[in-house]
Amino acid sequence: MPQLNPSSFVSQIFWLTITFLFLWAVMSRFIIPCIAEIIDERQKKITEDIQKAERTSKQAQLSLERYESFIKQAKKQTDERILNQKQELEASIELKKAEIAQSLSRQIAENETLIKKEREETLKMVHQISQQTADLILQKLGFNNNDKA
């Protein structure tokens, strides 16, 4: 094998050194700066994205807090309105109950008066009918109205 021949070691080491230095120079002058620039750009982009995400997160947190505050306030207002409506309805119901009770009491009193009058009239009519019935019985028995007195 020629690479193991000691007489060619010097030339092999020379060309290895030349090739290594050439590749090292190309890498350090052209390729590594491009790679470093790309890495720096990526790092900047990542940093910008993280900052943007943090700003967005803060804005979202503020929006959430405003939303929760708005919901809490709306719930409080709704509860107050419901309580007010409930109180108004209860007052209205009590007023209607009082009106109905008063109306029923008046109607009951009127009906009792009417029943009392009807009873008196019915009793008078019963008395008249019984008087007439008695007169008819007496006539059938042969007694005259003139004989009564």
N, C-alpha and C. Protein backbone atom coordinates (compact mmCIF):
# COMPACT_ATOMS: atom_id res chain seq x y z
N MET A 1 0.84 -1.18 0.00
CA MET A 1 0.00 0.00 0.00
C MET A 1 0.88 1.24 0.00
N PRO A 2 0.64 2.13 -0.90
CA PRO A 2 1.54 3.27 -1.04
C PRO A 2 1.46 4.24 0.14
N GLN A 3 0.35 4.35 0.80
CA GLN A 3 0.27 5.32 1.89
C GLN A 3 1.05 4.86 3.11
N LEU A 4 1.39 3.58 3.18
CA LEU A 4 2.18 3.08 4.29
C LEU A 4 3.70 3.08 3.97
N ASN A 5 4.03 3.53 2.80
CA ASN A 5 5.44 3.58 2.41
C ASN A 5 6.09 4.78 3.10
N PRO A 6 7.09 4.55 3.93
CA PRO A 6 7.72 5.66 4.67
C PRO A 6 8.41 6.69 3.77
N SER A 7 8.77 6.37 2.59
CA SER A 7 9.43 7.34 1.73
C SER A 7 8.45 8.41 1.25
N SER A 8 7.14 8.14 1.25
CA SER A 8 6.15 9.12 0.78
C SER A 8 5.45 9.84 1.93
N PHE A 9 5.89 9.60 3.16
CA PHE A 9 5.25 10.23 4.32
C PHE A 9 5.35 11.75 4.27
N VAL A 10 6.47 12.25 3.90
CA VAL A 10 6.70 13.69 3.91
C VAL A 10 5.78 14.36 2.90
N SER A 11 5.71 13.84 1.72
CA SER A 11 4.85 14.45 0.71
C SER A 11 3.36 14.33 1.11
N GLN A 12 3.02 13.22 1.71
CA GLN A 12 1.63 13.04 2.16
C GLN A 12 1.30 14.03 3.27
N ILE A 13 2.20 14.21 4.20
CA ILE A 13 1.97 15.15 5.30
C ILE A 13 1.92 16.57 4.73
N PHE A 14 2.77 16.89 3.78
CA PHE A 14 2.75 18.21 3.16
C PHE A 14 1.39 18.49 2.52
N TRP A 15 0.92 17.55 1.68
CA TRP A 15 -0.36 17.76 0.99
C TRP A 15 -1.56 17.72 1.97
N LEU A 16 -1.41 16.92 2.99
CA LEU A 16 -2.46 16.91 4.02
C LEU A 16 -2.52 18.27 4.69
N THR A 17 -1.40 18.83 5.02
CA THR A 17 -1.35 20.14 5.67
C THR A 17 -1.89 21.22 4.73
N ILE A 18 -1.48 21.20 3.47
CA ILE A 18 -1.95 22.17 2.49
C ILE A 18 -3.46 22.06 2.34
N THR A 19 -3.98 20.86 2.18
CA THR A 19 -5.42 20.64 2.01
C THR A 19 -6.17 21.10 3.25
N PHE A 20 -5.61 20.70 4.42
CA PHE A 20 -6.27 21.09 5.67
C PHE A 20 -6.30 22.61 5.81
N LEU A 21 -5.21 23.30 5.54
CA LEU A 21 -5.17 24.76 5.65
C LEU A 21 -6.11 25.42 4.64
N PHE A 22 -6.15 24.87 3.43
CA PHE A 22 -7.05 25.42 2.41
C PHE A 22 -8.51 25.28 2.85
N LEU A 23 -8.86 24.07 3.28
CA LEU A 23 -10.24 23.85 3.74
C LEU A 23 -10.56 24.70 4.97
N TRP A 24 -9.59 24.82 5.87
CA TRP A 24 -9.79 25.63 7.07
C TRP A 24 -10.01 27.09 6.69
N ALA A 25 -9.22 27.61 5.73
CA ALA A 25 -9.36 28.99 5.27
C ALA A 25 -10.71 29.21 4.62
N VAL A 26 -11.11 28.29 3.73
CA VAL A 26 -12.42 28.40 3.07
C VAL A 26 -13.54 28.37 4.11
N MET A 27 -13.44 27.45 5.05
CA MET A 27 -14.47 27.33 6.09
C MET A 27 -14.52 28.60 6.94
N SER A 28 -13.38 29.10 7.39
CA SER A 28 -13.37 30.25 8.30
C SER A 28 -13.74 31.55 7.60
N ARG A 29 -13.46 31.66 6.31
CA ARG A 29 -13.74 32.90 5.58
C ARG A 29 -15.15 32.92 4.98
N PHE A 30 -15.67 31.81 4.55
CA PHE A 30 -16.93 31.81 3.80
C PHE A 30 -18.06 31.05 4.50
N ILE A 31 -17.83 29.84 4.86
CA ILE A 31 -18.92 28.98 5.33
C ILE A 31 -19.31 29.30 6.77
N ILE A 32 -18.35 29.40 7.68
CA ILE A 32 -18.66 29.65 9.09
C ILE A 32 -19.35 31.01 9.28
N PRO A 33 -18.91 32.09 8.60
CA PRO A 33 -19.64 33.36 8.76
C PRO A 33 -21.09 33.26 8.26
N CYS A 34 -21.31 32.55 7.17
CA CYS A 34 -22.69 32.37 6.69
C CYS A 34 -23.53 31.61 7.71
N ILE A 35 -22.97 30.56 8.25
CA ILE A 35 -23.68 29.76 9.26
C ILE A 35 -23.94 30.61 10.50
N ALA A 36 -22.94 31.40 10.91
CA ALA A 36 -23.09 32.26 12.09
C ALA A 36 -24.17 33.30 11.85
N GLU A 37 -24.20 33.86 10.65
CA GLU A 37 -25.23 34.85 10.30
C GLU A 37 -26.61 34.23 10.34
N ILE A 38 -26.75 33.05 9.79
CA ILE A 38 -28.04 32.34 9.80
C ILE A 38 -28.47 32.05 11.24
N ILE A 39 -27.52 31.62 12.06
CA ILE A 39 -27.83 31.32 13.47
C ILE A 39 -28.26 32.60 14.19
N ASP A 40 -27.55 33.72 13.92
CA ASP A 40 -27.93 35.00 14.54
C ASP A 40 -29.32 35.44 14.10
N GLU A 41 -29.63 35.31 12.81
CA GLU A 41 -30.95 35.67 12.31
C GLU A 41 -32.04 34.81 12.96
N ARG A 42 -31.78 33.53 13.07
CA ARG A 42 -32.74 32.63 13.72
C ARG A 42 -32.95 33.00 15.17
N GLN A 43 -31.82 33.34 15.84
CA GLN A 43 -31.93 33.72 17.26
C GLN A 43 -32.74 35.01 17.40
N LYS A 44 -32.50 35.98 16.50
CA LYS A 44 -33.28 37.22 16.52
C LYS A 44 -34.76 36.94 16.28
N LYS A 45 -35.03 36.09 15.31
CA LYS A 45 -36.42 35.74 14.97
C LYS A 45 -37.08 35.06 16.17
N ILE A 46 -36.37 34.15 16.80
CA ILE A 46 -36.91 33.45 17.98
C ILE A 46 -37.18 34.45 19.10
N THR A 47 -36.23 35.36 19.34
CA THR A 47 -36.39 36.38 20.38
C THR A 47 -37.59 37.27 20.07
N GLU A 48 -37.71 37.71 18.81
CA GLU A 48 -38.85 38.54 18.41
C GLU A 48 -40.17 37.79 18.60
N ASP A 49 -40.18 36.54 18.20
CA ASP A 49 -41.40 35.74 18.35
C ASP A 49 -41.77 35.57 19.83
N ILE A 50 -40.77 35.35 20.68
CA ILE A 50 -41.03 35.21 22.12
C ILE A 50 -41.57 36.52 22.68
N GLN A 51 -40.97 37.65 22.29
CA GLN A 51 -41.45 38.95 22.76
C GLN A 51 -42.87 39.21 22.27
N LYS A 52 -43.11 38.88 21.01
CA LYS A 52 -44.45 39.07 20.44
C LYS A 52 -45.46 38.18 21.17
N ALA A 53 -45.07 36.96 21.47
CA ALA A 53 -45.95 36.04 22.21
C ALA A 53 -46.22 36.57 23.61
N GLU A 54 -45.20 37.13 24.26
CA GLU A 54 -45.40 37.70 25.60
C GLU A 54 -46.35 38.89 25.55
N ARG A 55 -46.17 39.77 24.55
CA ARG A 55 -47.08 40.92 24.40
C ARG A 55 -48.50 40.44 24.15
N THR A 56 -48.63 39.47 23.27
CA THR A 56 -49.95 38.93 22.97
C THR A 56 -50.57 38.28 24.21
N SER A 57 -49.74 37.58 24.97
CA SER A 57 -50.21 36.95 26.20
C SER A 57 -50.68 37.99 27.20
N LYS A 58 -49.91 39.09 27.33
CA LYS A 58 -50.32 40.17 28.24
C LYS A 58 -51.63 40.80 27.79
N GLN A 59 -51.74 41.03 26.47
CA GLN A 59 -52.98 41.60 25.94
C GLN A 59 -54.14 40.66 26.17
N ALA A 60 -53.92 39.38 25.97
CA ALA A 60 -54.98 38.40 26.19
C ALA A 60 -55.37 38.36 27.66
N GLN A 61 -54.38 38.46 28.55
CA GLN A 61 -54.66 38.46 29.99
C GLN A 61 -55.48 39.70 30.36
N LEU A 62 -55.10 40.86 29.81
CA LEU A 62 -55.86 42.09 30.08
C LEU A 62 -57.28 41.97 29.53
N SER A 63 -57.41 41.42 28.34
CA SER A 63 -58.73 41.22 27.76
C SER A 63 -59.56 40.27 28.61
N LEU A 64 -58.93 39.22 29.10
CA LEU A 64 -59.64 38.27 29.95
C LEU A 64 -60.09 38.94 31.25
N GLU A 65 -59.22 39.75 31.83
CA GLU A 65 -59.58 40.45 33.06
C GLU A 65 -60.74 41.43 32.82
N ARG A 66 -60.67 42.16 31.70
CA ARG A 66 -61.79 43.07 31.36
C ARG A 66 -63.07 42.29 31.13
N TYR A 67 -62.95 41.18 30.44
CA TYR A 67 -64.12 40.34 30.18
C TYR A 67 -64.73 39.82 31.48
N GLU A 68 -63.88 39.32 32.38
CA GLU A 68 -64.37 38.81 33.66
C GLU A 68 -64.99 39.94 34.48
N SER A 69 -64.38 41.13 34.44
CA SER A 69 -64.93 42.28 35.14
C SER A 69 -66.29 42.65 34.56
N PHE A 70 -66.38 42.66 33.24
CA PHE A 70 -67.65 42.97 32.57
C PHE A 70 -68.72 41.94 32.93
N ILE A 71 -68.34 40.68 32.91
CA ILE A 71 -69.29 39.61 33.25
C ILE A 71 -69.76 39.77 34.69
N LYS A 72 -68.82 40.05 35.59
CA LYS A 72 -69.16 40.22 37.00
C LYS A 72 -70.12 41.40 37.18
N GLN A 73 -69.83 42.50 36.49
CA GLN A 73 -70.67 43.69 36.59
C GLN A 73 -72.05 43.41 35.98
N ALA A 74 -72.08 42.74 34.86
CA ALA A 74 -73.36 42.41 34.22
C ALA A 74 -74.18 41.49 35.12
N LYS A 75 -73.52 40.53 35.75
CA LYS A 75 -74.22 39.61 36.65
C LYS A 75 -74.78 40.37 37.84
N LYS A 76 -73.99 41.30 38.37
CA LYS A 76 -74.45 42.10 39.50
C LYS A 76 -75.67 42.93 39.10
N GLN A 77 -75.60 43.57 37.94
CA GLN A 77 -76.73 44.38 37.46
C GLN A 77 -77.95 43.50 37.22
N THR A 78 -77.73 42.33 36.66
CA THR A 78 -78.84 41.41 36.41
C THR A 78 -79.48 40.96 37.72
N ASP A 79 -78.64 40.64 38.70
CA ASP A 79 -79.17 40.24 40.01
C ASP A 79 -79.98 41.37 40.63
N GLU A 80 -79.47 42.60 40.52
CA GLU A 80 -80.21 43.75 41.06
C GLU A 80 -81.54 43.93 40.34
N ARG A 81 -81.53 43.81 39.02
CA ARG A 81 -82.78 43.96 38.26
C ARG A 81 -83.77 42.86 38.62
N ILE A 82 -83.27 41.65 38.76
CA ILE A 82 -84.15 40.54 39.13
C ILE A 82 -84.75 40.79 40.51
N LEU A 83 -83.92 41.26 41.45
CA LEU A 83 -84.41 41.54 42.80
C LEU A 83 -85.45 42.65 42.76
N ASN A 84 -85.18 43.71 41.99
CA ASN A 84 -86.15 44.80 41.88
C ASN A 84 -87.45 44.32 41.25
N GLN A 85 -87.35 43.54 40.19
CA GLN A 85 -88.55 43.02 39.53
C GLN A 85 -89.33 42.11 40.48
N LYS A 86 -88.60 41.31 41.23
CA LYS A 86 -89.25 40.41 42.18
C LYS A 86 -89.99 41.21 43.24
N GLN A 87 -89.35 42.25 43.76
CA GLN A 87 -90.00 43.07 44.77
C GLN A 87 -91.23 43.78 44.18
N GLU A 88 -91.09 44.29 42.96
CA GLU A 88 -92.23 44.95 42.32
C GLU A 88 -93.37 43.97 42.10
N LEU A 89 -93.04 42.76 41.65
CA LEU A 89 -94.07 41.75 41.43
C LEU A 89 -94.74 41.36 42.74
N GLU A 90 -93.95 41.20 43.80
CA GLU A 90 -94.53 40.85 45.09
C GLU A 90 -95.46 41.96 45.58
N ALA A 91 -95.03 43.22 45.41
CA ALA A 91 -95.88 44.35 45.81
C ALA A 91 -97.15 44.36 44.97
N SER A 92 -97.00 44.12 43.67
CA SER A 92 -98.17 44.09 42.78
C SER A 92 -99.11 42.95 43.16
N ILE A 93 -98.55 41.80 43.50
CA ILE A 93 -99.36 40.65 43.89
C ILE A 93 -100.12 40.96 45.18
N GLU A 94 -99.43 41.57 46.14
CA GLU A 94 -100.08 41.92 47.40
C GLU A 94 -101.20 42.93 47.16
N LEU A 95 -100.96 43.90 46.28
CA LEU A 95 -101.99 44.88 45.95
C LEU A 95 -103.19 44.21 45.30
N LYS A 96 -102.92 43.32 44.35
CA LYS A 96 -104.01 42.59 43.68
C LYS A 96 -104.76 41.72 44.68
N LYS A 97 -104.02 41.07 45.60
CA LYS A 97 -104.68 40.25 46.62
C LYS A 97 -105.61 41.10 47.47
N ALA A 98 -105.12 42.29 47.87
CA ALA A 98 -105.94 43.18 48.68
C ALA A 98 -107.17 43.63 47.90
N GLU A 99 -106.98 43.97 46.62
CA GLU A 99 -108.11 44.38 45.79
C GLU A 99 -109.12 43.24 45.65
N ILE A 100 -108.62 42.05 45.41
CA ILE A 100 -109.51 40.89 45.24
C ILE A 100 -110.23 40.59 46.55
N ALA A 101 -109.49 40.65 47.66
CA ALA A 101 -110.12 40.40 48.96
C ALA A 101 -111.20 41.43 49.24
N GLN A 102 -110.91 42.68 48.93
CA GLN A 102 -111.90 43.74 49.14
C GLN A 102 -113.11 43.53 48.22
N SER A 103 -112.84 43.20 46.97
CA SER A 103 -113.93 42.95 46.02
C SER A 103 -114.76 41.75 46.46
N LEU A 104 -114.09 40.68 46.91
CA LEU A 104 -114.83 39.50 47.37
C LEU A 104 -115.65 39.83 48.61
N SER A 105 -115.07 40.60 49.53
CA SER A 105 -115.82 40.99 50.73
C SER A 105 -117.06 41.79 50.34
N ARG A 106 -116.91 42.72 49.41
CA ARG A 106 -118.04 43.53 48.96
C ARG A 106 -119.09 42.64 48.29
N GLN A 107 -118.63 41.71 47.43
CA GLN A 107 -119.58 40.82 46.75
C GLN A 107 -120.27 39.89 47.74
N ILE A 108 -119.52 39.43 48.74
CA ILE A 108 -120.12 38.56 49.77
C ILE A 108 -121.17 39.33 50.53
N ALA A 109 -120.84 40.59 50.90
CA ALA A 109 -121.82 41.41 51.64
C ALA A 109 -123.05 41.66 50.78
N GLU A 110 -122.83 41.98 49.49
CA GLU A 110 -123.97 42.19 48.59
C GLU A 110 -124.80 40.93 48.45
N ASN A 111 -124.12 39.79 48.30
CA ASN A 111 -124.84 38.52 48.15
C ASN A 111 -125.58 38.15 49.43
N GLU A 112 -124.96 38.43 50.58
CA GLU A 112 -125.65 38.15 51.84
C GLU A 112 -126.91 39.01 51.95
N THR A 113 -126.78 40.31 51.57
CA THR A 113 -127.95 41.21 51.59
C THR A 113 -129.01 40.71 50.63
N LEU A 114 -128.58 40.31 49.45
CA LEU A 114 -129.51 39.80 48.44
C LEU A 114 -130.18 38.52 48.93
N ILE A 115 -129.40 37.64 49.56
CA ILE A 115 -129.97 36.39 50.09
C ILE A 115 -130.97 36.70 51.19
N LYS A 116 -130.62 37.67 52.04
CA LYS A 116 -131.53 38.05 53.12
C LYS A 116 -132.84 38.58 52.56
N LYS A 117 -132.76 39.45 51.52
CA LYS A 117 -133.97 39.99 50.89
C LYS A 117 -134.77 38.86 50.25
N GLU A 118 -134.05 37.97 49.53
CA GLU A 118 -134.74 36.85 48.88
C GLU A 118 -135.42 35.97 49.92
N ARG A 119 -134.77 35.78 51.04
CA ARG A 119 -135.35 34.94 52.10
C ARG A 119 -136.61 35.58 52.66
N GLU A 120 -136.50 36.92 52.90
CA GLU A 120 -137.68 37.62 53.42
C GLU A 120 -138.83 37.56 52.42
N GLU A 121 -138.49 37.80 51.14
CA GLU A 121 -139.53 37.75 50.11
C GLU A 121 -140.10 36.34 50.00
N THR A 122 -139.22 35.34 50.08
CA THR A 122 -139.67 33.96 50.00
C THR A 122 -140.58 33.63 51.18
N LEU A 123 -140.17 34.08 52.37
CA LEU A 123 -141.02 33.83 53.55
C LEU A 123 -142.37 34.53 53.41
N LYS A 124 -142.35 35.78 52.88
CA LYS A 124 -143.62 36.48 52.65
C LYS A 124 -144.46 35.70 51.65
N MET A 125 -143.82 35.23 50.58
CA MET A 125 -144.56 34.48 49.57
C MET A 125 -145.09 33.18 50.16
N VAL A 126 -144.26 32.52 51.01
CA VAL A 126 -144.71 31.29 51.64
C VAL A 126 -145.93 31.59 52.52
N HIS A 127 -145.82 32.72 53.24
CA HIS A 127 -146.95 33.12 54.09
C HIS A 127 -148.18 33.40 53.24
N GLN A 128 -148.00 34.13 52.12
CA GLN A 128 -149.13 34.42 51.24
C GLN A 128 -149.68 33.13 50.63
N ILE A 129 -148.79 32.26 50.17
CA ILE A 129 -149.24 31.00 49.55
C ILE A 129 -149.96 30.14 50.58
N SER A 130 -149.41 30.12 51.78
CA SER A 130 -150.08 29.31 52.82
C SER A 130 -151.43 29.94 53.18
N GLN A 131 -151.50 31.28 53.15
CA GLN A 131 -152.78 31.96 53.41
C GLN A 131 -153.77 31.62 52.30
N GLN A 132 -153.29 31.69 51.07
CA GLN A 132 -154.17 31.38 49.94
C GLN A 132 -154.58 29.91 49.99
N THR A 133 -153.62 29.06 50.32
CA THR A 133 -153.94 27.63 50.40
C THR A 133 -154.99 27.38 51.49
N ALA A 134 -154.80 28.06 52.61
CA ALA A 134 -155.77 27.90 53.70
C ALA A 134 -157.14 28.40 53.27
N ASP A 135 -157.18 29.54 52.58
CA ASP A 135 -158.47 30.08 52.10
C ASP A 135 -159.12 29.11 51.12
N LEU A 136 -158.32 28.53 50.23
CA LEU A 136 -158.86 27.57 49.28
C LEU A 136 -159.40 26.33 49.99
N ILE A 137 -158.69 25.90 51.00
CA ILE A 137 -159.14 24.72 51.76
C ILE A 137 -160.47 25.02 52.45
N LEU A 138 -160.51 26.24 53.01
CA LEU A 138 -161.75 26.63 53.71
C LEU A 138 -162.90 26.74 52.72
N GLN A 139 -162.65 27.26 51.56
CA GLN A 139 -163.70 27.37 50.55
C GLN A 139 -164.16 25.97 50.12
N LYS A 140 -163.20 25.06 49.96
CA LYS A 140 -163.56 23.71 49.56
C LYS A 140 -164.35 23.03 50.66
N LEU A 141 -164.07 23.39 51.88
CA LEU A 141 -164.80 22.79 53.00
C LEU A 141 -166.16 23.46 53.18
N GLY A 142 -166.33 24.53 52.53
CA GLY A 142 -167.64 25.18 52.57
C GLY A 142 -167.67 26.41 53.44
N PHE A 143 -166.61 26.84 53.87
CA PHE A 143 -166.62 28.09 54.65
C PHE A 143 -166.33 29.24 53.73
N ASN A 144 -167.00 30.36 54.01
CA ASN A 144 -166.81 31.56 53.19
C ASN A 144 -165.84 32.50 53.87
N ASN A 145 -165.32 33.41 53.09
CA ASN A 145 -164.42 34.43 53.64
C ASN A 145 -165.18 35.35 54.56
N ASN A 146 -166.45 35.49 54.38
CA ASN A 146 -167.25 36.37 55.22
C ASN A 146 -167.41 35.79 56.60
N ASP A 147 -167.35 34.52 56.76
CA ASP A 147 -167.55 33.86 58.05
C ASP A 147 -166.31 34.00 58.92
N LYS A 148 -165.24 34.37 58.44
CA LYS A 148 -163.99 34.49 59.20
C LYS A 148 -164.09 35.54 60.28
N ALA A 149 -164.57 36.63 59.97
CA ALA A 149 -164.57 37.73 60.90
C ALA A 149 -165.62 37.52 61.89
